[in-house]
C-alpha cells in the first residue's frame, strides 16, 4: 500500500468534499482530470476525512485505505478508466 497520497479538498456550503488519489494514479496520469492541492500521509488523511461530507478514493491503495478506515464496503468498489474507485457520502 502506498504511504503517500494526493488529496483535493473543496470546502462547499454543505461541507468538505475530499478526493484521495494514490501515487500510481497521479504519477502515471491514469485519470487526466485528477486535481489535487497537497500530498498527504495516511495519518493526515485520517484527520482530513473526519469531518468530510463526501470522500472519493481513486486507485488500489486509496481504496484500501477507505475500506480499512470503514468508509467503504469492499463490494461498493467500481472501476473508472481501469482505476479502482469508491465513494463515501455522509447522510443525515
PDB file of N, CA and C in Angstrom:
ATOM      1  N   UNK A   1       0.850  -1.180   0.000  1.00  0.00           N
ATOM      2  CA  UNK A   1       0.000   0.000   0.000  1.00  0.00           C
ATOM      3  C   UNK A   1       0.891   1.238   0.000  1.00  0.00           C
ATOM      4  N   UNK A   2       0.512   2.220  -0.765  1.00  0.00           N
ATOM      5  CA  UNK A   2       1.270   3.461  -0.863  1.00  0.00           C
ATOM      6  C   UNK A   2       1.292   4.176   0.486  1.00  0.00           C
ATOM      7  N   UNK A   3       2.384   4.888   0.757  1.00  0.00           N
ATOM      8  CA  UNK A   3       2.481   5.607   2.028  1.00  0.00           C
ATOM      9  C   UNK A   3       2.127   7.084   1.888  1.00  0.00           C
ATOM     10  N   UNK A   4       2.011   7.551   0.655  1.00  0.00           N
ATOM     11  CA  UNK A   4       1.589   8.936   0.458  1.00  0.00           C
ATOM     12  C   UNK A   4       0.523   9.008  -0.629  1.00  0.00           C
ATOM     13  N   UNK A   5      -0.324   9.998  -0.481  1.00  0.00           N
ATOM     14  CA  UNK A   5      -1.476  10.151  -1.356  1.00  0.00           C
ATOM     15  C   UNK A   5      -1.610  11.610  -1.762  1.00  0.00           C
ATOM     16  N   UNK A   6      -2.287  11.843  -2.849  1.00  0.00           N
ATOM     17  CA  UNK A   6      -2.565  13.196  -3.317  1.00  0.00           C
ATOM     18  C   UNK A   6      -4.019  13.499  -2.988  1.00  0.00           C
ATOM     19  N   UNK A   7      -4.259  14.666  -2.396  1.00  0.00           N
ATOM     20  CA  UNK A   7      -5.585  14.987  -1.879  1.00  0.00           C
ATOM     21  C   UNK A   7      -6.082  16.317  -2.432  1.00  0.00           C
ATOM     22  N   UNK A   8      -7.363  16.338  -2.800  1.00  0.00           N
ATOM     23  CA  UNK A   8      -8.050  17.567  -3.205  1.00  0.00           C
ATOM     24  C   UNK A   8      -9.137  17.827  -2.175  1.00  0.00           C
ATOM     25  N   UNK A   9      -9.087  18.964  -1.516  1.00  0.00           N
ATOM     26  CA  UNK A   9     -10.111  19.363  -0.563  1.00  0.00           C
ATOM     27  C   UNK A   9     -10.879  20.542  -1.144  1.00  0.00           C
ATOM     28  N   UNK A  10     -12.190  20.445  -1.137  1.00  0.00           N
ATOM     29  CA  UNK A  10     -13.030  21.528  -1.618  1.00  0.00           C
ATOM     30  C   UNK A  10     -14.068  21.827  -0.549  1.00  0.00           C
ATOM     31  N   UNK A  11     -14.017  23.034  -0.018  1.00  0.00           N
ATOM     32  CA  UNK A  11     -14.967  23.443   1.010  1.00  0.00           C
ATOM     33  C   UNK A  11     -16.202  24.013   0.321  1.00  0.00           C
ATOM     34  N   UNK A  12     -17.347  23.379   0.536  1.00  0.00           N
ATOM     35  CA  UNK A  12     -18.594  23.814  -0.094  1.00  0.00           C
ATOM     36  C   UNK A  12     -19.583  24.264   0.984  1.00  0.00           C
ATOM     37  N   UNK A  13     -20.723  24.778   0.560  1.00  0.00           N
ATOM     38  CA  UNK A  13     -21.733  25.225   1.521  1.00  0.00           C
ATOM     39  C   UNK A  13     -22.337  24.064   2.314  1.00  0.00           C
ATOM     40  N   UNK A  14     -22.197  22.832   1.839  1.00  0.00           N
ATOM     41  CA  UNK A  14     -22.716  21.675   2.573  1.00  0.00           C
ATOM     42  C   UNK A  14     -21.629  20.961   3.380  1.00  0.00           C
ATOM     43  N   UNK A  15     -20.375  21.340   3.190  1.00  0.00           N
ATOM     44  CA  UNK A  15     -19.267  20.734   3.915  1.00  0.00           C
ATOM     45  C   UNK A  15     -18.088  20.412   3.018  1.00  0.00           C
ATOM     46  N   UNK A  16     -17.099  19.769   3.587  1.00  0.00           N
ATOM     47  CA  UNK A  16     -15.855  19.462   2.879  1.00  0.00           C
ATOM     48  C   UNK A  16     -16.030  18.237   1.977  1.00  0.00           C
ATOM     49  N   UNK A  17     -15.634  18.395   0.731  1.00  0.00           N
ATOM     50  CA  UNK A  17     -15.618  17.292  -0.226  1.00  0.00           C
ATOM     51  C   UNK A  17     -14.155  16.967  -0.489  1.00  0.00           C
ATOM     52  N   UNK A  18     -13.804  15.687  -0.391  1.00  0.00           N
ATOM     53  CA  UNK A  18     -12.408  15.280  -0.476  1.00  0.00           C
ATOM     54  C   UNK A  18     -12.234  14.204  -1.544  1.00  0.00           C
ATOM     55  N   UNK A  19     -11.206  14.348  -2.363  1.00  0.00           N
ATOM     56  CA  UNK A  19     -10.791  13.312  -3.310  1.00  0.00           C
ATOM     57  C   UNK A  19      -9.402  12.855  -2.902  1.00  0.00           C
ATOM     58  N   UNK A  20      -9.203  11.541  -2.867  1.00  0.00           N
ATOM     59  CA  UNK A  20      -7.919  10.973  -2.460  1.00  0.00           C
ATOM     60  C   UNK A  20      -7.424  10.063  -3.573  1.00  0.00           C
ATOM     61  N   UNK A  21      -6.230  10.353  -4.080  1.00  0.00           N
ATOM     62  CA  UNK A  21      -5.623   9.594  -5.175  1.00  0.00           C
ATOM     63  C   UNK A  21      -4.364   8.914  -4.681  1.00  0.00           C
ATOM     64  N   UNK A  22      -4.163   7.649  -5.051  1.00  0.00           N
ATOM     65  CA  UNK A  22      -2.877   7.057  -4.704  1.00  0.00           C
ATOM     66  C   UNK A  22      -1.830   7.532  -5.706  1.00  0.00           C
ATOM     67  N   UNK A  23      -0.563   7.362  -5.355  1.00  0.00           N
ATOM     68  CA  UNK A  23       0.541   7.871  -6.180  1.00  0.00           C
ATOM     69  C   UNK A  23       0.510   7.345  -7.607  1.00  0.00           C
ATOM     70  N   UNK A  24       0.178   6.087  -7.768  1.00  0.00           N
ATOM     71  CA  UNK A  24       0.159   5.477  -9.088  1.00  0.00           C
ATOM     72  C   UNK A  24      -0.803   6.198 -10.038  1.00  0.00           C
ATOM     73  N   UNK A  25      -1.952   6.593  -9.531  1.00  0.00           N
ATOM     74  CA  UNK A  25      -2.947   7.292 -10.351  1.00  0.00           C
ATOM     75  C   UNK A  25      -2.398   8.626 -10.840  1.00  0.00           C
ATOM     76  N   UNK A  26      -1.728   9.360  -9.966  1.00  0.00           N
ATOM     77  CA  UNK A  26      -1.201  10.685 -10.325  1.00  0.00           C
ATOM     78  C   UNK A  26       0.058  10.575 -11.182  1.00  0.00           C
ATOM     79  N   UNK A  27       1.031   9.800 -10.724  1.00  0.00           N
ATOM     80  CA  UNK A  27       2.309   9.707 -11.428  1.00  0.00           C
ATOM     81  C   UNK A  27       2.140   9.164 -12.847  1.00  0.00           C
ATOM     82  N   UNK A  28       1.296   8.158 -12.995  1.00  0.00           N
ATOM     83  CA  UNK A  28       1.082   7.549 -14.316  1.00  0.00           C
ATOM     84  C   UNK A  28      -0.078   8.164 -15.082  1.00  0.00           C
ATOM     85  N   UNK A  29      -0.629   9.272 -14.558  1.00  0.00           N
ATOM     86  CA  UNK A  29      -1.697  10.035 -15.216  1.00  0.00           C
ATOM     87  C   UNK A  29      -2.836   9.130 -15.689  1.00  0.00           C
ATOM     88  N   UNK A  30      -3.266   8.236 -14.800  1.00  0.00           N
ATOM     89  CA  UNK A  30      -4.338   7.299 -15.145  1.00  0.00           C
ATOM     90  C   UNK A  30      -5.691   7.987 -15.238  1.00  0.00           C
ATOM     91  N   UNK A  31      -5.852   9.090 -14.511  1.00  0.00           N
ATOM     92  CA  UNK A  31      -7.058   9.916 -14.622  1.00  0.00           C
ATOM     93  C   UNK A  31      -6.566  11.334 -14.898  1.00  0.00           C
ATOM     94  N   UNK A  32      -6.630  11.731 -16.136  1.00  0.00           N
ATOM     95  CA  UNK A  32      -6.071  13.034 -16.543  1.00  0.00           C
ATOM     96  C   UNK A  32      -6.755  14.213 -15.858  1.00  0.00           C
ATOM     97  N   UNK A  33      -8.021  14.044 -15.499  1.00  0.00           N
ATOM     98  CA  UNK A  33      -8.782  15.127 -14.884  1.00  0.00           C
ATOM     99  C   UNK A  33      -8.516  15.266 -13.388  1.00  0.00           C
ATOM    100  N   UNK A  34      -7.648  14.426 -12.841  1.00  0.00           N
ATOM    101  CA  UNK A  34      -7.373  14.433 -11.397  1.00  0.00           C
ATOM    102  C   UNK A  34      -6.842  15.792 -10.955  1.00  0.00           C
ATOM    103  N   UNK A  35      -7.429  16.302  -9.875  1.00  0.00           N
ATOM    104  CA  UNK A  35      -6.982  17.570  -9.305  1.00  0.00           C
ATOM    105  C   UNK A  35      -6.641  17.337  -7.842  1.00  0.00           C
ATOM    106  N   UNK A  36      -5.553  17.929  -7.407  1.00  0.00           N
ATOM    107  CA  UNK A  36      -5.151  17.798  -6.012  1.00  0.00           C
ATOM    108  C   UNK A  36      -4.454  19.072  -5.581  1.00  0.00           C
ATOM    109  N   UNK A  37      -4.505  19.336  -4.272  1.00  0.00           N
ATOM    110  CA  UNK A  37      -3.838  20.533  -3.774  1.00  0.00           C
ATOM    111  C   UNK A  37      -2.796  20.250  -2.706  1.00  0.00           C
ATOM    112  N   UNK A  38      -2.590  18.951  -2.394  1.00  0.00           N
ATOM    113  CA  UNK A  38      -1.491  18.611  -1.494  1.00  0.00           C
ATOM    114  C   UNK A  38      -1.236  17.107  -1.455  1.00  0.00           C
ATOM    115  N   UNK A  39      -0.056  16.772  -0.937  1.00  0.00           N
ATOM    116  CA  UNK A  39       0.348  15.379  -0.762  1.00  0.00           C
ATOM    117  C   UNK A  39       0.256  15.073   0.726  1.00  0.00           C
ATOM    118  N   UNK A  40      -0.308  13.907   1.079  1.00  0.00           N
ATOM    119  CA  UNK A  40      -0.563  13.579   2.486  1.00  0.00           C
ATOM    120  C   UNK A  40      -0.175  12.148   2.817  1.00  0.00           C
ATOM    121  N   UNK A  41       0.075  11.930   4.092  1.00  0.00           N
ATOM    122  CA  UNK A  41       0.288  10.581   4.617  1.00  0.00           C
ATOM    123  C   UNK A  41      -1.069  10.008   5.040  1.00  0.00           C
ATOM    124  N   UNK A  42      -1.079   8.737   5.380  1.00  0.00           N
ATOM    125  CA  UNK A  42      -2.314   8.110   5.863  1.00  0.00           C
ATOM    126  C   UNK A  42      -2.791   8.804   7.139  1.00  0.00           C
ATOM    127  N   UNK A  43      -1.866   9.144   8.019  1.00  0.00           N
ATOM    128  CA  UNK A  43      -2.245   9.814   9.279  1.00  0.00           C
ATOM    129  C   UNK A  43      -2.919  11.157   8.999  1.00  0.00           C
ATOM    130  N   UNK A  44      -2.393  11.913   8.047  1.00  0.00           N
ATOM    131  CA  UNK A  44      -3.009  13.199   7.694  1.00  0.00           C
ATOM    132  C   UNK A  44      -4.394  12.985   7.092  1.00  0.00           C
ATOM    133  N   UNK A  45      -4.530  11.945   6.276  1.00  0.00           N
ATOM    134  CA  UNK A  45      -5.828  11.641   5.654  1.00  0.00           C
ATOM    135  C   UNK A  45      -6.873  11.348   6.718  1.00  0.00           C
ATOM    136  N   UNK A  46      -6.503  10.610   7.746  1.00  0.00           N
ATOM    137  CA  UNK A  46      -7.447  10.303   8.832  1.00  0.00           C
ATOM    138  C   UNK A  46      -8.039  11.579   9.417  1.00  0.00           C
ATOM    139  N   UNK A  47      -7.224  12.610   9.598  1.00  0.00           N
ATOM    140  CA  UNK A  47      -7.706  13.886  10.142  1.00  0.00           C
ATOM    141  C   UNK A  47      -8.545  14.661   9.129  1.00  0.00           C
ATOM    142  N   UNK A  48      -8.131  14.655   7.889  1.00  0.00           N
ATOM    143  CA  UNK A  48      -8.835  15.401   6.837  1.00  0.00           C
ATOM    144  C   UNK A  48     -10.246  14.879   6.649  1.00  0.00           C
ATOM    145  N   UNK A  49     -10.404  13.556   6.589  1.00  0.00           N
ATOM    146  CA  UNK A  49     -11.710  12.999   6.228  1.00  0.00           C
ATOM    147  C   UNK A  49     -12.675  12.897   7.408  1.00  0.00           C
ATOM    148  N   UNK A  50     -12.197  13.144   8.584  1.00  0.00           N
ATOM    149  CA  UNK A  50     -13.048  13.023   9.778  1.00  0.00           C
ATOM    150  C   UNK A  50     -14.350  13.814   9.641  1.00  0.00           C
ATOM    151  N   UNK A  51     -14.291  15.006   9.116  1.00  0.00           N
ATOM    152  CA  UNK A  51     -15.497  15.832   9.015  1.00  0.00           C
ATOM    153  C   UNK A  51     -16.032  15.993   7.604  1.00  0.00           C
ATOM    154  N   UNK A  52     -15.520  15.204   6.672  1.00  0.00           N
ATOM    155  CA  UNK A  52     -15.936  15.349   5.272  1.00  0.00           C
ATOM    156  C   UNK A  52     -17.358  14.844   5.034  1.00  0.00           C
ATOM    157  N   UNK A  53     -18.067  15.491   4.123  1.00  0.00           N
ATOM    158  CA  UNK A  53     -19.407  15.036   3.742  1.00  0.00           C
ATOM    159  C   UNK A  53     -19.353  14.117   2.526  1.00  0.00           C
ATOM    160  N   UNK A  54     -18.247  14.182   1.800  1.00  0.00           N
ATOM    161  CA  UNK A  54     -18.069  13.342   0.613  1.00  0.00           C
ATOM    162  C   UNK A  54     -16.589  13.008   0.472  1.00  0.00           C
ATOM    163  N   UNK A  55     -16.307  11.723   0.259  1.00  0.00           N
ATOM    164  CA  UNK A  55     -14.923  11.292   0.053  1.00  0.00           C
ATOM    165  C   UNK A  55     -14.909  10.334  -1.122  1.00  0.00           C
ATOM    166  N   UNK A  56     -14.045  10.614  -2.102  1.00  0.00           N
ATOM    167  CA  UNK A  56     -13.875   9.713  -3.230  1.00  0.00           C
ATOM    168  C   UNK A  56     -12.443   9.207  -3.215  1.00  0.00           C
ATOM    169  N   UNK A  57     -12.300   7.893  -3.255  1.00  0.00           N
ATOM    170  CA  UNK A  57     -10.995   7.239  -3.227  1.00  0.00           C
ATOM    171  C   UNK A  57     -10.678   6.727  -4.624  1.00  0.00           C
ATOM    172  N   UNK A  58      -9.502   7.087  -5.166  1.00  0.00           N
ATOM    173  CA  UNK A  58      -9.083   6.675  -6.506  1.00  0.00           C
ATOM    174  C   UNK A  58      -7.803   5.860  -6.426  1.00  0.00           C
ATOM    175  N   UNK A  59      -7.820   4.658  -6.968  1.00  0.00           N
ATOM    176  CA  UNK A  59      -6.633   3.821  -7.024  1.00  0.00           C
ATOM    177  C   UNK A  59      -6.655   2.733  -5.964  1.00  0.00           C
ATOM    178  N   UNK A  60      -5.910   1.678  -6.244  1.00  0.00           N
ATOM    179  CA  UNK A  60      -5.861   0.495  -5.378  1.00  0.00           C
ATOM    180  C   UNK A  60      -5.548   0.846  -3.928  1.00  0.00           C
ATOM    181  N   UNK A  61      -4.478   1.587  -3.697  1.00  0.00           N
ATOM    182  CA  UNK A  61      -4.061   1.908  -2.326  1.00  0.00           C
ATOM    183  C   UNK A  61      -5.052   2.832  -1.630  1.00  0.00           C
ATOM    184  N   UNK A  62      -5.557   3.819  -2.336  1.00  0.00           N
ATOM    185  CA  UNK A  62      -6.517   4.754  -1.737  1.00  0.00           C
ATOM    186  C   UNK A  62      -7.798   4.027  -1.345  1.00  0.00           C
ATOM    187  N   UNK A  63      -8.283   3.150  -2.213  1.00  0.00           N
ATOM    188  CA  UNK A  63      -9.494   2.384  -1.909  1.00  0.00           C
ATOM    189  C   UNK A  63      -9.266   1.488  -0.688  1.00  0.00           C
ATOM    190  N   UNK A  64      -8.088   0.883  -0.592  1.00  0.00           N
ATOM    191  CA  UNK A  64      -7.773   0.047   0.574  1.00  0.00           C
ATOM    192  C   UNK A  64      -7.829   0.870   1.863  1.00  0.00           C
ATOM    193  N   UNK A  65      -7.369   2.111   1.811  1.00  0.00           N
ATOM    194  CA  UNK A  65      -7.442   2.985   2.980  1.00  0.00           C
ATOM    195  C   UNK A  65      -8.907   3.234   3.345  1.00  0.00           C
ATOM    196  N   UNK A  66      -9.740   3.519   2.351  1.00  0.00           N
ATOM    197  CA  UNK A  66     -11.164   3.750   2.595  1.00  0.00           C
ATOM    198  C   UNK A  66     -11.833   2.553   3.244  1.00  0.00           C
ATOM    199  N   UNK A  67     -11.472   1.360   2.798  1.00  0.00           N
ATOM    200  CA  UNK A  67     -12.029   0.130   3.374  1.00  0.00           C
ATOM    201  C   UNK A  67     -11.509  -0.059   4.802  1.00  0.00           C
ATOM    202  N   UNK A  68     -10.210   0.103   4.979  1.00  0.00           N
ATOM    203  CA  UNK A  68      -9.588  -0.084   6.293  1.00  0.00           C
ATOM    204  C   UNK A  68     -10.168   0.868   7.343  1.00  0.00           C
ATOM    205  N   UNK A  69     -10.449   2.093   6.940  1.00  0.00           N
ATOM    206  CA  UNK A  69     -10.978   3.089   7.877  1.00  0.00           C
ATOM    207  C   UNK A  69     -12.491   2.978   8.059  1.00  0.00           C
ATOM    208  N   UNK A  70     -13.140   2.084   7.318  1.00  0.00           N
ATOM    209  CA  UNK A  70     -14.569   1.849   7.493  1.00  0.00           C
ATOM    210  C   UNK A  70     -15.497   2.761   6.706  1.00  0.00           C
ATOM    211  N   UNK A  71     -14.961   3.510   5.762  1.00  0.00           N
ATOM    212  CA  UNK A  71     -15.794   4.395   4.947  1.00  0.00           C
ATOM    213  C   UNK A  71     -16.355   3.692   3.713  1.00  0.00           C
ATOM    214  N   UNK A  72     -15.706   2.616   3.292  1.00  0.00           N
ATOM    215  CA  UNK A  72     -16.064   1.929   2.054  1.00  0.00           C
ATOM    216  C   UNK A  72     -16.306   0.445   2.321  1.00  0.00           C
ATOM    217  N   UNK A  73     -17.368  -0.067   1.747  1.00  0.00           N
ATOM    218  CA  UNK A  73     -17.622  -1.516   1.781  1.00  0.00           C
ATOM    219  C   UNK A  73     -16.924  -2.111   0.560  1.00  0.00           C
ATOM    220  N   UNK A  74     -16.220  -3.224   0.713  1.00  0.00           N
ATOM    221  CA  UNK A  74     -15.479  -3.813  -0.422  1.00  0.00           C
ATOM    222  C   UNK A  74     -16.329  -4.083  -1.665  1.00  0.00           C
ATOM    223  N   UNK A  75     -17.595  -4.374  -1.487  1.00  0.00           N
ATOM    224  CA  UNK A  75     -18.465  -4.652  -2.637  1.00  0.00           C
ATOM    225  C   UNK A  75     -18.907  -3.382  -3.362  1.00  0.00           C
ATOM    226  N   UNK A  76     -18.607  -2.215  -2.802  1.00  0.00           N
ATOM    227  CA  UNK A  76     -19.004  -0.951  -3.411  1.00  0.00           C
ATOM    228  C   UNK A  76     -17.934  -0.376  -4.336  1.00  0.00           C
ATOM    229  N   UNK A  77     -16.837  -1.085  -4.516  1.00  0.00           N
ATOM    230  CA  UNK A  77     -15.723  -0.593  -5.338  1.00  0.00           C
ATOM    231  C   UNK A  77     -16.034  -0.825  -6.815  1.00  0.00           C
ATOM    232  N   UNK A  78     -15.837   0.213  -7.628  1.00  0.00           N
ATOM    233  CA  UNK A  78     -16.059   0.159  -9.076  1.00  0.00           C
ATOM    234  C   UNK A  78     -14.758   0.512  -9.780  1.00  0.00           C
ATOM    235  N   UNK A  79     -14.803   0.537 -11.110  1.00  0.00           N
ATOM    236  CA  UNK A  79     -13.629   0.941 -11.886  1.00  0.00           C
ATOM    237  C   UNK A  79     -14.007   2.078 -12.828  1.00  0.00           C
ATOM    238  N   UNK A  80     -13.096   3.029 -12.944  1.00  0.00           N
ATOM    239  CA  UNK A  80     -13.226   4.165 -13.852  1.00  0.00           C
ATOM    240  C   UNK A  80     -11.929   4.234 -14.644  1.00  0.00           C
ATOM    241  N   UNK A  81     -12.028   4.047 -15.936  1.00  0.00           N
ATOM    242  CA  UNK A  81     -10.834   4.057 -16.794  1.00  0.00           C
ATOM    243  C   UNK A  81      -9.783   3.065 -16.286  1.00  0.00           C
ATOM    244  N   UNK A  82     -10.246   1.914 -15.775  1.00  0.00           N
ATOM    245  CA  UNK A  82      -9.342   0.882 -15.277  1.00  0.00           C
ATOM    246  C   UNK A  82      -8.794   1.122 -13.885  1.00  0.00           C
ATOM    247  N   UNK A  83      -9.250   2.176 -13.220  1.00  0.00           N
ATOM    248  CA  UNK A  83      -8.777   2.542 -11.886  1.00  0.00           C
ATOM    249  C   UNK A  83      -9.874   2.241 -10.867  1.00  0.00           C
ATOM    250  N   UNK A  84      -9.516   1.577  -9.781  1.00  0.00           N
ATOM    251  CA  UNK A  84     -10.500   1.323  -8.725  1.00  0.00           C
ATOM    252  C   UNK A  84     -10.936   2.645  -8.107  1.00  0.00           C
ATOM    253  N   UNK A  85     -12.270   2.766  -7.903  1.00  0.00           N
ATOM    254  CA  UNK A  85     -12.849   3.985  -7.353  1.00  0.00           C
ATOM    255  C   UNK A  85     -13.954   3.605  -6.362  1.00  0.00           C
ATOM    256  N   UNK A  86     -14.029   4.346  -5.276  1.00  0.00           N
ATOM    257  CA  UNK A  86     -15.109   4.153  -4.312  1.00  0.00           C
ATOM    258  C   UNK A  86     -15.468   5.499  -3.697  1.00  0.00           C
ATOM    259  N   UNK A  87     -16.748   5.666  -3.378  1.00  0.00           N
ATOM    260  CA  UNK A  87     -17.222   6.944  -2.857  1.00  0.00           C
ATOM    261  C   UNK A  87     -18.000   6.757  -1.565  1.00  0.00           C
ATOM    262  N   UNK A  88     -17.748   7.664  -0.635  1.00  0.00           N
ATOM    263  CA  UNK A  88     -18.490   7.743   0.619  1.00  0.00           C
ATOM    264  C   UNK A  88     -19.248   9.059   0.600  1.00  0.00           C
ATOM    265  N   UNK A  89     -20.534   9.021   0.957  1.00  0.00           N
ATOM    266  CA  UNK A  89     -21.329  10.242   1.086  1.00  0.00           C
ATOM    267  C   UNK A  89     -22.022  10.182   2.438  1.00  0.00           C
ATOM    268  N   UNK A  90     -21.806  11.211   3.231  1.00  0.00           N
ATOM    269  CA  UNK A  90     -22.417  11.283   4.558  1.00  0.00           C
ATOM    270  C   UNK A  90     -23.886  11.646   4.398  1.00  0.00           C
ATOM    271  N   UNK A  91     -24.750  10.900   5.077  1.00  0.00           N
ATOM    272  CA  UNK A  91     -26.167  11.225   5.079  1.00  0.00           C
ATOM    273  C   UNK A  91     -26.586  11.568   6.494  1.00  0.00           C
ATOM    274  N   UNK A  92     -27.589  12.361   6.591  1.00  0.00           N
ATOM    275  CA  UNK A  92     -28.027  12.836   7.916  1.00  0.00           C
ATOM    276  C   UNK A  92     -29.315  12.188   8.312  1.00  0.00           C
TER     277      UNK A  92
END
